C-alpha atoms as a PDB file:
ATOM      1  CA  MET A   1    -151.247  52.320  10.634  1.00  0.00           C
ATOM      2  CA  THR A   2    -148.330  51.885  12.961  1.00  0.00           C
ATOM      3  CA  GLN A   3    -145.002  51.617  11.142  1.00  0.00           C
ATOM      4  CA  SER A   4    -142.905  48.608  12.051  1.00  0.00           C
ATOM      5  CA  THR A   5    -140.039  49.415  14.343  1.00  0.00           C
ATOM      6  CA  THR A   6    -138.173  46.210  13.605  1.00  0.00           C
ATOM      7  CA  PRO A   7    -134.623  47.289  12.786  1.00  0.00           C
ATOM      8  CA  ARG A   8    -133.260  46.430   9.356  1.00  0.00           C
ATOM      9  CA  ALA A   9    -130.496  43.864   9.556  1.00  0.00           C
ATOM     10  CA  VAL A  10    -127.242  45.533   8.638  1.00  0.00           C
ATOM     11  CA  PRO A  11    -123.916  43.715   8.793  1.00  0.00           C
ATOM     12  CA  THR A  12    -121.789  45.077  11.593  1.00  0.00           C
ATOM     13  CA  PRO A  13    -118.799  47.005  10.198  1.00  0.00           C
ATOM     14  CA  GLY A  14    -115.698  44.872  10.191  1.00  0.00           C
ATOM     15  CA  ARG A  15    -117.625  41.625  10.374  1.00  0.00           C
ATOM     16  CA  THR A  16    -117.594  38.899   7.725  1.00  0.00           C
ATOM     17  CA  ARG A  17    -118.879  39.775   4.264  1.00  0.00           C
ATOM     18  CA  LEU A  18    -118.123  36.838   2.004  1.00  0.00           C
ATOM     19  CA  ARG A  19    -118.907  38.880  -1.094  1.00  0.00           C
ATOM     20  CA  ARG A  20    -115.847  41.044  -0.560  1.00  0.00           C
ATOM     21  CA  LEU A  21    -113.669  38.452  -2.293  1.00  0.00           C
ATOM     22  CA  ARG A  22    -115.956  38.278  -5.347  1.00  0.00           C
ATOM     23  CA  GLN A  23    -116.090  41.929  -6.349  1.00  0.00           C
ATOM     24  CA  SER A  24    -113.827  41.916  -9.415  1.00  0.00           C
ATOM     25  CA  PRO A  25    -112.074  39.498 -11.769  1.00  0.00           C
ATOM     26  CA  ALA A  26    -108.760  40.335 -10.110  1.00  0.00           C
ATOM     27  CA  MET A  27    -110.154  39.663  -6.628  1.00  0.00           C
ATOM     28  CA  ARG A  28    -111.727  36.388  -7.754  1.00  0.00           C
ATOM     29  CA  ARG A  29    -108.426  35.272  -9.282  1.00  0.00           C
ATOM     30  CA  LEU A  30    -106.614  36.130  -6.076  1.00  0.00           C
ATOM     31  CA  ALA A  31    -109.074  34.165  -3.943  1.00  0.00           C
ATOM     32  CA  ALA A  32    -109.427  31.148  -6.251  1.00  0.00           C
ATOM     33  CA  GLU A  33    -108.803  27.879  -4.421  1.00  0.00           C
ATOM     34  CA  THR A  34    -108.464  25.747  -7.549  1.00  0.00           C
ATOM     35  CA  ARG A  35    -106.782  26.506 -10.872  1.00  0.00           C
ATOM     36  CA  VAL A  36    -106.348  24.682 -14.151  1.00  0.00           C
ATOM     37  CA  HIS A  37    -103.030  24.817 -15.973  1.00  0.00           C
ATOM     38  CA  PRO A  38    -102.378  23.463 -19.488  1.00  0.00           C
ATOM     39  CA  ALA A  39     -99.697  21.127 -18.094  1.00  0.00           C
ATOM     40  CA  GLU A  40    -102.435  19.341 -16.137  1.00  0.00           C
ATOM     41  CA  LEU A  41    -104.356  18.460 -19.301  1.00  0.00           C
ATOM     42  CA  VAL A  42    -103.947  15.363 -21.463  1.00  0.00           C
ATOM     43  CA  LEU A  43    -105.428  15.067 -24.952  1.00  0.00           C
ATOM     44  CA  PRO A  44    -106.922  11.692 -25.946  1.00  0.00           C
ATOM     45  CA  ALA A  45    -106.367  11.092 -29.689  1.00  0.00           C
ATOM     46  CA  PHE A  46    -107.507   8.397 -32.117  1.00  0.00           C
ATOM     47  CA  VAL A  47    -105.465   7.162 -35.073  1.00  0.00           C
ATOM     48  CA  LYS A  48    -107.058   4.897 -37.685  1.00  0.00           C
ATOM     49  CA  GLU A  49    -105.196   2.558 -39.962  1.00  0.00           C
ATOM     50  CA  GLY A  50    -105.659   3.108 -43.696  1.00  0.00           C
ATOM     51  CA  LEU A  51    -107.202   6.582 -43.618  1.00  0.00           C
ATOM     52  CA  ALA A  52    -106.234   8.952 -46.425  1.00  0.00           C
ATOM     53  CA  GLU A  53    -107.413  12.010 -44.501  1.00  0.00           C
ATOM     54  CA  PRO A  54    -108.761  12.707 -41.005  1.00  0.00           C
ATOM     55  CA  ARG A  55    -112.345  11.609 -40.423  1.00  0.00           C
ATOM     56  CA  PRO A  56    -114.790  13.495 -38.153  1.00  0.00           C
ATOM     57  CA  ILE A  57    -116.486  11.527 -35.380  1.00  0.00           C
ATOM     58  CA  THR A  58    -120.148  12.462 -35.682  1.00  0.00           C
ATOM     59  CA  SER A  59    -121.071  11.952 -32.022  1.00  0.00           C
ATOM     60  CA  MET A  60    -118.060  13.994 -30.859  1.00  0.00           C
ATOM     61  CA  PRO A  61    -118.092  17.277 -32.818  1.00  0.00           C
ATOM     62  CA  GLY A  62    -114.580  18.600 -33.306  1.00  0.00           C
ATOM     63  CA  VAL A  63    -112.879  15.256 -32.590  1.00  0.00           C
ATOM     64  CA  LEU A  64    -111.255  13.248 -35.388  1.00  0.00           C
ATOM     65  CA  GLN A  65    -110.003   9.839 -36.296  1.00  0.00           C
ATOM     66  CA  HIS A  66    -106.496  10.841 -37.338  1.00  0.00           C
ATOM     67  CA  THR A  67    -104.194   9.630 -40.049  1.00  0.00           C
ATOM     68  CA  ARG A  68    -100.607   9.094 -38.967  1.00  0.00           C
ATOM     69  CA  ASP A  69     -99.674  12.424 -40.520  1.00  0.00           C
ATOM     70  CA  SER A  70    -102.521  14.397 -38.961  1.00  0.00           C
ATOM     71  CA  LEU A  71    -101.758  12.806 -35.585  1.00  0.00           C
ATOM     72  CA  ARG A  72     -98.199  14.116 -35.796  1.00  0.00           C
ATOM     73  CA  ARG A  73     -99.560  17.598 -36.441  1.00  0.00           C
ATOM     74  CA  ALA A  74    -102.028  17.274 -33.560  1.00  0.00           C
ATOM     75  CA  ALA A  75     -99.190  16.231 -31.245  1.00  0.00           C
ATOM     76  CA  VAL A  76     -97.156  19.280 -32.225  1.00  0.00           C
ATOM     77  CA  GLU A  77    -100.192  21.488 -31.587  1.00  0.00           C
ATOM     78  CA  ALA A  78    -100.640  19.875 -28.167  1.00  0.00           C
ATOM     79  CA  ALA A  79     -96.992  20.456 -27.293  1.00  0.00           C
ATOM     80  CA  GLU A  80     -97.164  24.077 -28.412  1.00  0.00           C
ATOM     81  CA  ALA A  81    -100.271  24.549 -26.264  1.00  0.00           C
ATOM     82  CA  GLY A  82     -98.284  23.424 -23.226  1.00  0.00           C
ATOM     83  CA  LEU A  83    -100.276  20.274 -22.534  1.00  0.00           C
ATOM     84  CA  GLY A  84     -98.974  17.624 -20.211  1.00  0.00           C
ATOM     85  CA  GLY A  85     -99.450  14.731 -22.601  1.00  0.00           C
ATOM     86  CA  VAL A  86    -101.420  12.819 -25.191  1.00  0.00           C
ATOM     87  CA  MET A  87    -103.175   9.463 -24.767  1.00  0.00           C
ATOM     88  CA  LEU A  88    -103.192   7.460 -27.992  1.00  0.00           C
ATOM     89  CA  PHE A  89    -105.840   4.973 -29.142  1.00  0.00           C
ATOM     90  CA  GLY A  90    -105.432   2.841 -32.252  1.00  0.00           C
ATOM     91  CA  VAL A  91    -108.175   1.757 -34.665  1.00  0.00           C
ATOM     92  CA  PRO A  92    -106.961  -1.160 -36.816  1.00  0.00           C
ATOM     93  CA  GLU A  93    -108.353  -2.339 -40.146  1.00  0.00           C
ATOM     94  CA  ARG A  94    -108.371  -6.008 -39.080  1.00  0.00           C
ATOM     95  CA  ARG A  95    -109.263  -7.600 -35.762  1.00  0.00           C
ATOM     96  CA  ASP A  96    -109.149 -11.114 -34.372  1.00  0.00           C
ATOM     97  CA  ALA A  97    -110.000 -13.069 -31.240  1.00  0.00           C
ATOM     98  CA  THR A  98    -106.800 -12.266 -29.334  1.00  0.00           C
ATOM     99  CA  GLY A  99    -106.098  -8.780 -30.666  1.00  0.00           C
ATOM    100  CA  THR A 100    -102.822  -9.595 -32.385  1.00  0.00           C
ATOM    101  CA  GLY A 101    -102.676  -6.103 -33.889  1.00  0.00           C
ATOM    102  CA  ALA A 102    -102.028  -4.741 -30.410  1.00  0.00           C
ATOM    103  CA  THR A 103     -98.659  -6.462 -30.184  1.00  0.00           C
ATOM    104  CA  ASP A 104     -97.596  -6.223 -33.827  1.00  0.00           C
ATOM    105  CA  PRO A 105     -94.664  -3.763 -34.041  1.00  0.00           C
ATOM    106  CA  ASP A 106     -96.221  -2.577 -37.303  1.00  0.00           C
ATOM    107  CA  GLY A 107     -99.697  -2.296 -35.769  1.00  0.00           C
ATOM    108  CA  ILE A 108    -101.318   1.111 -36.017  1.00  0.00           C
ATOM    109  CA  LEU A 109    -101.022   2.024 -32.333  1.00  0.00           C
ATOM    110  CA  ASN A 110     -97.371   1.065 -32.031  1.00  0.00           C
ATOM    111  CA  LEU A 111     -96.513   2.954 -35.219  1.00  0.00           C
ATOM    112  CA  ALA A 112     -98.409   5.979 -33.919  1.00  0.00           C
ATOM    113  CA  ILE A 113     -96.509   5.893 -30.629  1.00  0.00           C
ATOM    114  CA  ALA A 114     -93.204   5.931 -32.504  1.00  0.00           C
ATOM    115  CA  ASP A 115     -94.457   8.721 -34.791  1.00  0.00           C
ATOM    116  CA  VAL A 116     -95.463  10.981 -31.924  1.00  0.00           C
ATOM    117  CA  VAL A 117     -92.324  10.343 -29.886  1.00  0.00           C
ATOM    118  CA  ALA A 118     -90.219  11.147 -32.947  1.00  0.00           C
ATOM    119  CA  GLU A 119     -92.228  14.325 -33.539  1.00  0.00           C
ATOM    120  CA  VAL A 120     -92.376  15.830 -30.034  1.00  0.00           C
ATOM    121  CA  GLY A 121     -89.721  13.969 -28.036  1.00  0.00           C
ATOM    122  CA  ASP A 122     -90.058  14.785 -24.347  1.00  0.00           C
ATOM    123  CA  ALA A 123     -92.215  17.887 -24.882  1.00  0.00           C
ATOM    124  CA  LEU A 124     -95.237  15.698 -24.051  1.00  0.00           C
ATOM    125  CA  VAL A 125     -95.742  12.553 -22.011  1.00  0.00           C
ATOM    126  CA  VAL A 126     -96.646  10.126 -24.791  1.00  0.00           C
ATOM    127  CA  GLN A 127     -99.211   7.764 -23.324  1.00  0.00           C
ATOM    128  CA  ALA A 128    -100.793   4.713 -24.934  1.00  0.00           C
ATOM    129  CA  ASP A 129    -103.998   2.871 -24.172  1.00  0.00           C
ATOM    130  CA  LEU A 130    -103.129  -0.651 -23.084  1.00  0.00           C
ATOM    131  CA  CYS A 131    -106.268  -2.667 -23.716  1.00  0.00           C
ATOM    132  CA  LEU A 132    -107.398  -5.211 -26.280  1.00  0.00           C
ATOM    133  CA  ASP A 133    -110.909  -3.947 -26.987  1.00  0.00           C
ATOM    134  CA  GLU A 134    -109.931  -1.912 -30.064  1.00  0.00           C
ATOM    135  CA  PHE A 135    -108.102  -4.935 -31.497  1.00  0.00           C
ATOM    136  CA  THR A 136    -110.455  -7.861 -30.816  1.00  0.00           C
ATOM    137  CA  ASP A 137    -113.234  -8.925 -33.161  1.00  0.00           C
ATOM    138  CA  HIS A 138    -115.564  -9.467 -30.189  1.00  0.00           C
ATOM    139  CA  GLY A 139    -114.833  -6.030 -28.695  1.00  0.00           C
ATOM    140  CA  HIS A 140    -114.032  -7.194 -25.181  1.00  0.00           C
ATOM    141  CA  CYS A 141    -110.967  -6.016 -23.283  1.00  0.00           C
ATOM    142  CA  GLY A 142    -109.492  -9.487 -23.021  1.00  0.00           C
ATOM    143  CA  VAL A 143    -109.228 -13.026 -24.308  1.00  0.00           C
ATOM    144  CA  LEU A 144    -112.420 -15.100 -24.167  1.00  0.00           C
ATOM    145  CA  THR A 145    -112.972 -18.601 -22.875  1.00  0.00           C
ATOM    146  CA  ALA A 146    -114.844 -21.192 -24.941  1.00  0.00           C
ATOM    147  CA  SER A 147    -118.035 -20.127 -23.150  1.00  0.00           C
ATOM    148  CA  GLY A 148    -117.544 -16.471 -24.067  1.00  0.00           C
ATOM    149  CA  ALA A 149    -116.429 -15.161 -20.674  1.00  0.00           C
ATOM    150  CA  VAL A 150    -113.385 -12.916 -20.364  1.00  0.00           C
ATOM    151  CA  ASP A 151    -110.428 -14.999 -19.164  1.00  0.00           C
ATOM    152  CA  ASN A 152    -108.636 -12.765 -16.664  1.00  0.00           C
ATOM    153  CA  ASP A 153    -105.320 -14.621 -16.488  1.00  0.00           C
ATOM    154  CA  ALA A 154    -104.996 -15.386 -20.185  1.00  0.00           C
ATOM    155  CA  THR A 155    -105.646 -11.702 -20.799  1.00  0.00           C
ATOM    156  CA  LEU A 156    -102.787 -10.746 -18.477  1.00  0.00           C
ATOM    157  CA  VAL A 157    -100.359 -12.586 -20.745  1.00  0.00           C
ATOM    158  CA  ARG A 158    -101.523 -10.475 -23.678  1.00  0.00           C
ATOM    159  CA  TYR A 159    -101.285  -7.285 -21.596  1.00  0.00           C
ATOM    160  CA  ALA A 160     -97.674  -8.033 -20.747  1.00  0.00           C
ATOM    161  CA  GLU A 161     -96.898  -8.537 -24.431  1.00  0.00           C
ATOM    162  CA  MET A 162     -98.753  -5.351 -25.335  1.00  0.00           C
ATOM    163  CA  ALA A 163     -96.866  -3.339 -22.710  1.00  0.00           C
ATOM    164  CA  LEU A 164     -93.555  -4.479 -24.141  1.00  0.00           C
ATOM    165  CA  ALA A 165     -94.635  -3.609 -27.681  1.00  0.00           C
ATOM    166  CA  GLN A 166     -95.635  -0.115 -26.570  1.00  0.00           C
ATOM    167  CA  ALA A 167     -92.463   0.405 -24.570  1.00  0.00           C
ATOM    168  CA  ARG A 168     -90.337  -0.685 -27.527  1.00  0.00           C
ATOM    169  CA  ALA A 169     -92.228   1.827 -29.674  1.00  0.00           C
ATOM    170  CA  GLY A 170     -91.186   4.526 -27.210  1.00  0.00           C
ATOM    171  CA  ALA A 171     -94.238   5.092 -24.989  1.00  0.00           C
ATOM    172  CA  HIS A 172     -93.404   7.059 -21.872  1.00  0.00           C
ATOM    173  CA  LEU A 173     -96.462   5.738 -20.042  1.00  0.00           C
ATOM    174  CA  VAL A 174     -98.802   2.804 -20.621  1.00  0.00           C
ATOM    175  CA  GLY A 175    -102.448   3.196 -19.614  1.00  0.00           C
ATOM    176  CA  LEU A 176    -103.928  -0.050 -18.317  1.00  0.00           C
ATOM    177  CA  SER A 177    -107.640   0.379 -18.978  1.00  0.00           C
ATOM    178  CA  GLY A 178    -108.851  -3.226 -19.095  1.00  0.00           C
ATOM    179  CA  MET A 179    -109.726  -3.665 -15.383  1.00  0.00           C
ATOM    180  CA  MET A 180    -108.274  -7.160 -15.143  1.00  0.00           C
ATOM    181  CA  ASP A 181    -107.267  -8.279 -11.652  1.00  0.00           C
ATOM    182  CA  GLY A 182    -103.487  -8.298 -11.307  1.00  0.00           C
ATOM    183  CA  GLN A 183    -102.812  -6.307 -14.465  1.00  0.00           C
ATOM    184  CA  VAL A 184    -100.495  -3.750 -12.872  1.00  0.00           C
ATOM    185  CA  ALA A 185     -98.206  -6.324 -11.282  1.00  0.00           C
ATOM    186  CA  VAL A 186     -97.938  -8.389 -14.461  1.00  0.00           C
ATOM    187  CA  VAL A 187     -97.200  -5.377 -16.661  1.00  0.00           C
ATOM    188  CA  ARG A 188     -94.733  -3.872 -14.182  1.00  0.00           C
ATOM    189  CA  ASP A 189     -92.850  -7.176 -13.956  1.00  0.00           C
ATOM    190  CA  ALA A 190     -92.792  -7.524 -17.754  1.00  0.00           C
ATOM    191  CA  LEU A 191     -91.456  -4.013 -18.261  1.00  0.00           C
ATOM    192  CA  ASP A 192     -88.819  -4.338 -15.564  1.00  0.00           C
ATOM    193  CA  GLY A 193     -87.768  -7.751 -16.841  1.00  0.00           C
ATOM    194  CA  GLU A 194     -87.005  -6.289 -20.264  1.00  0.00           C
ATOM    195  CA  GLY A 195     -85.173  -3.256 -18.900  1.00  0.00           C
ATOM    196  CA  PHE A 196     -87.982  -0.708 -19.306  1.00  0.00           C
ATOM    197  CA  LEU A 197     -87.572   0.480 -15.740  1.00  0.00           C
ATOM    198  CA  ASP A 198     -88.489   4.070 -16.588  1.00  0.00           C
ATOM    199  CA  THR A 199     -91.719   3.328 -18.464  1.00  0.00           C
ATOM    200  CA  ALA A 200     -94.519   4.520 -16.205  1.00  0.00           C
ATOM    201  CA  VAL A 201     -97.762   2.658 -15.548  1.00  0.00           C
ATOM    202  CA  LEU A 202    -101.109   4.420 -15.277  1.00  0.00           C
ATOM    203  CA  ALA A 203    -103.798   2.170 -13.823  1.00  0.00           C
ATOM    204  CA  TYR A 204    -107.421   2.835 -14.673  1.00  0.00           C
ATOM    205  CA  ALA A 205    -108.036   1.812 -11.078  1.00  0.00           C
ATOM    206  CA  ALA A 206    -111.670   2.871 -10.740  1.00  0.00           C
ATOM    207  CA  LYS A 207    -113.196   2.429 -14.177  1.00  0.00           C
ATOM    208  CA  TYR A 208    -116.955   2.064 -14.124  1.00  0.00           C
ATOM    209  CA  ALA A 209    -119.271   0.197 -16.512  1.00  0.00           C
ATOM    210  CA  SER A 210    -120.772   3.487 -17.631  1.00  0.00           C
ATOM    211  CA  ALA A 211    -123.335   4.619 -20.187  1.00  0.00           C
ATOM    212  CA  PHE A 212    -121.153   7.671 -20.861  1.00  0.00           C
ATOM    213  CA  TYR A 213    -118.749   5.757 -23.136  1.00  0.00           C
ATOM    214  CA  GLY A 214    -121.170   5.642 -26.066  1.00  0.00           C
ATOM    215  CA  PRO A 215    -119.471   8.099 -28.445  1.00  0.00           C
ATOM    216  CA  PHE A 216    -116.081   6.498 -27.762  1.00  0.00           C
ATOM    217  CA  ARG A 217    -117.467   3.280 -29.238  1.00  0.00           C
ATOM    218  CA  GLU A 218    -117.984   5.149 -32.508  1.00  0.00           C
ATOM    219  CA  ALA A 219    -114.503   6.652 -32.301  1.00  0.00           C
ATOM    220  CA  VAL A 220    -112.826   3.230 -32.085  1.00  0.00           C
ATOM    221  CA  GLU A 221    -115.459   1.450 -34.214  1.00  0.00           C
ATOM    222  CA  SER A 222    -116.188  -0.948 -31.391  1.00  0.00           C
ATOM    223  CA  THR A 223    -117.451  -4.423 -32.248  1.00  0.00           C
ATOM    224  CA  LEU A 224    -118.687  -5.090 -28.709  1.00  0.00           C
ATOM    225  CA  GLU A 225    -121.910  -7.000 -28.206  1.00  0.00           C
ATOM    226  CA  GLY A 226    -123.231  -7.079 -24.674  1.00  0.00           C
ATOM    227  CA  ASP A 227    -121.424  -5.172 -21.939  1.00  0.00           C
ATOM    228  CA  ARG A 228    -118.361  -5.186 -19.679  1.00  0.00           C
ATOM    229  CA  ARG A 229    -120.076  -5.377 -16.315  1.00  0.00           C
ATOM    230  CA  THR A 230    -118.223  -8.502 -15.236  1.00  0.00           C
ATOM    231  CA  TYR A 231    -114.916  -6.632 -15.094  1.00  0.00           C
ATOM    232  CA  GLN A 232    -115.632  -2.902 -14.987  1.00  0.00           C
ATOM    233  CA  MET A 233    -116.974  -1.472 -11.735  1.00  0.00           C
ATOM    234  CA  ASP A 234    -120.637  -1.257 -10.786  1.00  0.00           C
ATOM    235  CA  PRO A 235    -121.781   2.412 -10.778  1.00  0.00           C
ATOM    236  CA  ALA A 236    -123.496   1.727  -7.433  1.00  0.00           C
ATOM    237  CA  ASN A 237    -120.192   1.166  -5.628  1.00  0.00           C
ATOM    238  CA  ARG A 238    -118.059   3.833  -3.983  1.00  0.00           C
ATOM    239  CA  ARG A 239    -116.010   2.086  -1.287  1.00  0.00           C
ATOM    240  CA  GLU A 240    -114.902  -0.572  -3.746  1.00  0.00           C
ATOM    241  CA  ALA A 241    -112.947   2.084  -5.653  1.00  0.00           C
ATOM    242  CA  ALA A 242    -110.635   2.526  -2.680  1.00  0.00           C
ATOM    243  CA  ARG A 243    -109.884  -1.199  -2.695  1.00  0.00           C
ATOM    244  CA  GLU A 244    -109.079  -1.117  -6.406  1.00  0.00           C
ATOM    245  CA  VAL A 245    -106.778   1.868  -5.949  1.00  0.00           C
ATOM    246  CA  MET A 246    -104.933   0.381  -2.990  1.00  0.00           C
ATOM    247  CA  VAL A 247    -104.325  -2.864  -4.875  1.00  0.00           C
ATOM    248  CA  ASP A 248    -103.016  -1.052  -7.950  1.00  0.00           C
ATOM    249  CA  ILE A 249    -100.686   1.155  -5.930  1.00  0.00           C
ATOM    250  CA  ALA A 250     -99.373  -1.889  -4.070  1.00  0.00           C
ATOM    251  CA  GLU A 251     -98.713  -3.598  -7.420  1.00  0.00           C
ATOM    252  CA  GLY A 252     -96.629  -0.663  -8.628  1.00  0.00           C
ATOM    253  CA  ALA A 253     -98.921   1.832 -10.371  1.00  0.00           C
ATOM    254  CA  ASP A 254     -97.266   5.212 -10.862  1.00  0.00           C
ATOM    255  CA  VAL A 255    -100.593   6.976 -11.500  1.00  0.00           C
ATOM    256  CA  VAL A 256    -104.181   5.889 -10.806  1.00  0.00           C
ATOM    257  CA  MET A 257    -107.289   6.998 -12.651  1.00  0.00           C
ATOM    258  CA  VAL A 258    -111.000   7.466 -12.063  1.00  0.00           C
ATOM    259  CA  LYS A 259    -113.183   7.082 -15.163  1.00  0.00           C
ATOM    260  CA  PRO A 260    -115.661   8.652 -15.944  1.00  0.00           C
ATOM    261  CA  ALA A 261    -114.974  11.935 -14.177  1.00  0.00           C
ATOM    262  CA  LEU A 262    -118.041  14.166 -13.878  1.00  0.00           C
ATOM    263  CA  ALA A 263    -120.527  11.523 -12.777  1.00  0.00           C
ATOM    264  CA  TYR A 264    -118.017  10.162 -10.242  1.00  0.00           C
ATOM    265  CA  LEU A 265    -116.633  13.262  -8.531  1.00  0.00           C
ATOM    266  CA  ASP A 266    -117.376  11.712  -5.130  1.00  0.00           C
ATOM    267  CA  VAL A 267    -115.215   8.719  -6.016  1.00  0.00           C
ATOM    268  CA  LEU A 268    -112.525  11.017  -7.386  1.00  0.00           C
ATOM    269  CA  ALA A 269    -112.459  13.004  -4.137  1.00  0.00           C
ATOM    270  CA  ASP A 270    -112.161   9.785  -2.132  1.00  0.00           C
ATOM    271  CA  VAL A 271    -109.311   8.521  -4.285  1.00  0.00           C
ATOM    272  CA  ALA A 272    -107.460  11.843  -4.183  1.00  0.00           C
ATOM    273  CA  ALA A 273    -107.690  11.875  -0.388  1.00  0.00           C
ATOM    274  CA  MET A 274    -106.145   8.437   0.046  1.00  0.00           C
ATOM    275  CA  SER A 275    -103.794   7.981  -2.916  1.00  0.00           C
ATOM    276  CA  THR A 276    -100.036   8.183  -2.460  1.00  0.00           C
ATOM    277  CA  VAL A 277     -99.502   8.590  -6.220  1.00  0.00           C
ATOM    278  CA  PRO A 278    -100.846  11.166  -8.713  1.00  0.00           C
ATOM    279  CA  VAL A 279    -104.518  10.847  -9.609  1.00  0.00           C
ATOM    280  CA  ALA A 280    -105.885  11.247 -13.131  1.00  0.00           C
ATOM    281  CA  ALA A 281    -109.501  11.563 -14.222  1.00  0.00           C
ATOM    282  CA  TYR A 282    -110.952  11.002 -17.687  1.00  0.00           C
ATOM    283  CA  GLN A 283    -113.642  13.382 -18.908  1.00  0.00           C
ATOM    284  CA  VAL A 284    -115.154  10.797 -21.212  1.00  0.00           C
ATOM    285  CA  SER A 285    -116.800  10.988 -24.609  1.00  0.00           C
ATOM    286  CA  GLY A 286    -120.378  11.096 -23.355  1.00  0.00           C
ATOM    287  CA  GLU A 287    -119.591  13.977 -21.014  1.00  0.00           C
ATOM    288  CA  TYR A 288    -117.998  15.811 -23.929  1.00  0.00           C
ATOM    289  CA  ALA A 289    -120.888  15.068 -26.296  1.00  0.00           C
ATOM    290  CA  MET A 290    -123.555  16.292 -23.870  1.00  0.00           C
ATOM    291  CA  VAL A 291    -121.927  19.702 -23.488  1.00  0.00           C
ATOM    292  CA  GLU A 292    -121.363  20.020 -27.229  1.00  0.00           C
ATOM    293  CA  ALA A 293    -124.977  19.078 -28.011  1.00  0.00           C
ATOM    294  CA  ALA A 294    -126.416  21.490 -25.456  1.00  0.00           C
ATOM    295  CA  ALA A 295    -124.153  24.288 -26.658  1.00  0.00           C
ATOM    296  CA  ALA A 296    -125.044  23.633 -30.303  1.00  0.00           C
ATOM    297  CA  ASN A 297    -128.703  24.140 -29.368  1.00  0.00           C
ATOM    298  CA  GLY A 298    -127.932  27.399 -27.577  1.00  0.00           C
ATOM    299  CA  TRP A 299    -128.946  25.980 -24.201  1.00  0.00           C
ATOM    300  CA  ILE A 300    -125.654  26.679 -22.397  1.00  0.00           C
ATOM    301  CA  ASP A 301    -122.614  28.911 -22.722  1.00  0.00           C
ATOM    302  CA  ARG A 302    -120.114  26.497 -24.269  1.00  0.00           C
ATOM    303  CA  ARG A 303    -116.883  28.101 -23.088  1.00  0.00           C
ATOM    304  CA  ARG A 304    -118.091  28.559 -19.532  1.00  0.00           C
ATOM    305  CA  ALA A 305    -119.485  25.016 -19.390  1.00  0.00           C
ATOM    306  CA  VAL A 306    -116.242  23.492 -20.672  1.00  0.00           C
ATOM    307  CA  THR A 307    -114.124  25.522 -18.263  1.00  0.00           C
ATOM    308  CA  GLU A 308    -116.391  24.852 -15.286  1.00  0.00           C
ATOM    309  CA  SER A 309    -116.583  21.124 -15.955  1.00  0.00           C
ATOM    310  CA  VAL A 310    -112.800  20.693 -16.082  1.00  0.00           C
ATOM    311  CA  LEU A 311    -112.359  22.953 -13.055  1.00  0.00           C
ATOM    312  CA  SER A 312    -114.786  20.769 -11.109  1.00  0.00           C
ATOM    313  CA  ILE A 313    -112.674  17.698 -11.864  1.00  0.00           C
ATOM    314  CA  ARG A 314    -109.552  19.478 -10.636  1.00  0.00           C
ATOM    315  CA  ARG A 315    -111.438  20.740  -7.570  1.00  0.00           C
ATOM    316  CA  ALA A 316    -112.455  17.182  -6.709  1.00  0.00           C
ATOM    317  CA  GLY A 317    -108.777  16.256  -6.580  1.00  0.00           C
ATOM    318  CA  ALA A 318    -107.523  15.209 -10.013  1.00  0.00           C
ATOM    319  CA  ASP A 319    -103.864  16.038 -10.581  1.00  0.00           C
ATOM    320  CA  HIS A 320    -104.407  15.837 -14.317  1.00  0.00           C
ATOM    321  CA  VAL A 321    -107.437  15.546 -16.567  1.00  0.00           C
ATOM    322  CA  LEU A 322    -107.875  13.711 -19.841  1.00  0.00           C
ATOM    323  CA  THR A 323    -110.231  15.826 -21.899  1.00  0.00           C
ATOM    324  CA  TYR A 324    -111.028  16.214 -25.593  1.00  0.00           C
ATOM    325  CA  TRP A 325    -111.072  19.985 -25.021  1.00  0.00           C
ATOM    326  CA  ALA A 326    -107.453  20.015 -23.829  1.00  0.00           C
ATOM    327  CA  VAL A 327    -105.938  22.104 -26.637  1.00  0.00           C
ATOM    328  CA  GLU A 328    -108.838  24.543 -26.871  1.00  0.00           C
ATOM    329  CA  LEU A 329    -109.007  24.968 -23.104  1.00  0.00           C
ATOM    330  CA  ALA A 330    -105.247  25.526 -22.910  1.00  0.00           C
ATOM    331  CA  GLY A 331    -105.638  28.348 -25.412  1.00  0.00           C
ATOM    332  CA  TRP A 332    -108.345  29.985 -23.321  1.00  0.00           C
ATOM    333  CA  LEU A 333    -106.227  29.682 -20.180  1.00  0.00           C
ATOM    334  CA  GLN A 334    -103.304  31.334 -21.898  1.00  0.00           C
ATOM    335  CA  GLU A 335    -105.581  34.168 -23.074  1.00  0.00           C
ATOM    336  CA  GLU A 336    -106.808  34.756 -19.532  1.00  0.00           C
ATOM    337  CA  ASN A 337    -103.281  34.866 -18.132  1.00  0.00           C
ATOM    338  CA  ARG A 338    -101.860  37.362 -20.615  1.00  0.00           C
END
């Protein structure tokens, strides 16, 4: 048999070998294009009125409904971990049609804002969810008409009142998550009119009507029946996100957000490319729960999956990431950098 004389392909010395920059942990660190820093992470946290002790959220292992006291401790832990901020969500004992607990100075969210600001001062950006869904008995993000539809403009009045209540409680940033048209302009005008010129506005500019919010509904004990598709974005739409972002920036948003994050990395990349303000992304409850469930079954490496998922959100263009793993991930990052 005649032996083949076809020469074996050998890279020419000095030519490109892409593997050269992957040969060791030190080389990979040196060549890394994207990094995650604790200051780019924001911890979402839930505080429930009337709790005697923190309560685990079954669909989100490791996440709690906090008491006011345990929330203070969690805020201190977040500050010590070097996080950029916390985003607070309130769970009231009583709800009504217009969400009056959202604007009550003694409502659970406003008390929690004041608690955390008093505890950590400026060590964290204390952020507050500005939406009515946790406070309404129907679970929608706004005021309803007699026919049961969400009344955009009547809701804006409540948002303005809610923004002022949160600013008076000491919030550094208010997170407008309701997806009402005109919400940024109305809230910005209300804040400026009352002298809260330095209170920042984060607009959930591209918030989709997603299936990945399921565990969050348990966390806030949602009373929603039906869905929010008439005001949150259709998952089929990509270009529309750019319109939402441009409108919110024009109305005065200081930060814009894409939510969810992992299932919408294309949208996030688009927004990051065109935004003139910082871009946030929310790694939502369903994304968290899927990783935790798979890891609990031994199907994936939990630490690597958590780190890779947050890195992918940063790589797509997020300037900061809201994630329930924020404190734990910050600890890992600090270990790696010692």
